Amino acid sequence: MEYLLALIVAVGVGVYLFYALLRPERF
């Protein structure tokens, strides 16, 4: 079950970084 939590966290961080690079004016 830990791998599922790690996957969710990794996807969340990836999406956050993607949006941070896509819209730098918001950060």
C-alpha atoms as a PDB file:
ATOM      1  CA  MET A   1       0.000   0.000   0.000  1.00  0.00           C
ATOM      2  CA  GLU A   2       2.942   2.320   0.603  1.00  0.00           C
ATOM      3  CA  TYR A   3       3.827   2.265  -3.094  1.00  0.00           C
ATOM      4  CA  LEU A   4       0.376   3.636  -3.953  1.00  0.00           C
ATOM      5  CA  LEU A   5       0.836   6.569  -1.562  1.00  0.00           C
ATOM      6  CA  ALA A   6       4.314   7.230  -2.960  1.00  0.00           C
ATOM      7  CA  LEU A   7       2.909   7.160  -6.504  1.00  0.00           C
ATOM      8  CA  ILE A   8       0.171   9.645  -5.597  1.00  0.00           C
ATOM      9  CA  VAL A   9       2.712  11.968  -3.957  1.00  0.00           C
ATOM     10  CA  ALA A  10       5.064  11.698  -6.952  1.00  0.00           C
ATOM     11  CA  VAL A  11       2.244  12.504  -9.392  1.00  0.00           C
ATOM     12  CA  GLY A  12       1.117  15.439  -7.248  1.00  0.00           C
ATOM     13  CA  VAL A  13       4.620  16.900  -7.059  1.00  0.00           C
ATOM     14  CA  GLY A  14       5.103  16.336 -10.796  1.00  0.00           C
ATOM     15  CA  VAL A  15       1.881  18.172 -11.623  1.00  0.00           C
ATOM     16  CA  TYR A  16       2.794  21.015  -9.249  1.00  0.00           C
ATOM     17  CA  LEU A  17       6.218  21.413 -10.863  1.00  0.00           C
ATOM     18  CA  PHE A  18       4.652  21.200 -14.342  1.00  0.00           C
ATOM     19  CA  TYR A  19       2.269  24.056 -13.540  1.00  0.00           C
ATOM     20  CA  ALA A  20       5.077  26.022 -11.859  1.00  0.00           C
ATOM     21  CA  LEU A  21       7.100  25.823 -15.089  1.00  0.00           C
ATOM     22  CA  LEU A  22       4.042  26.452 -17.268  1.00  0.00           C
ATOM     23  CA  ARG A  23       2.826  29.504 -15.304  1.00  0.00           C
ATOM     24  CA  PRO A  24       5.856  31.040 -13.513  1.00  0.00           C
ATOM     25  CA  GLU A  25       4.019  34.342 -13.011  1.00  0.00           C
ATOM     26  CA  ARG A  26       1.784  32.695 -10.400  1.00  0.00           C
ATOM     27  CA  PHE A  27       4.720  31.797  -8.144  1.00  0.00           C
END
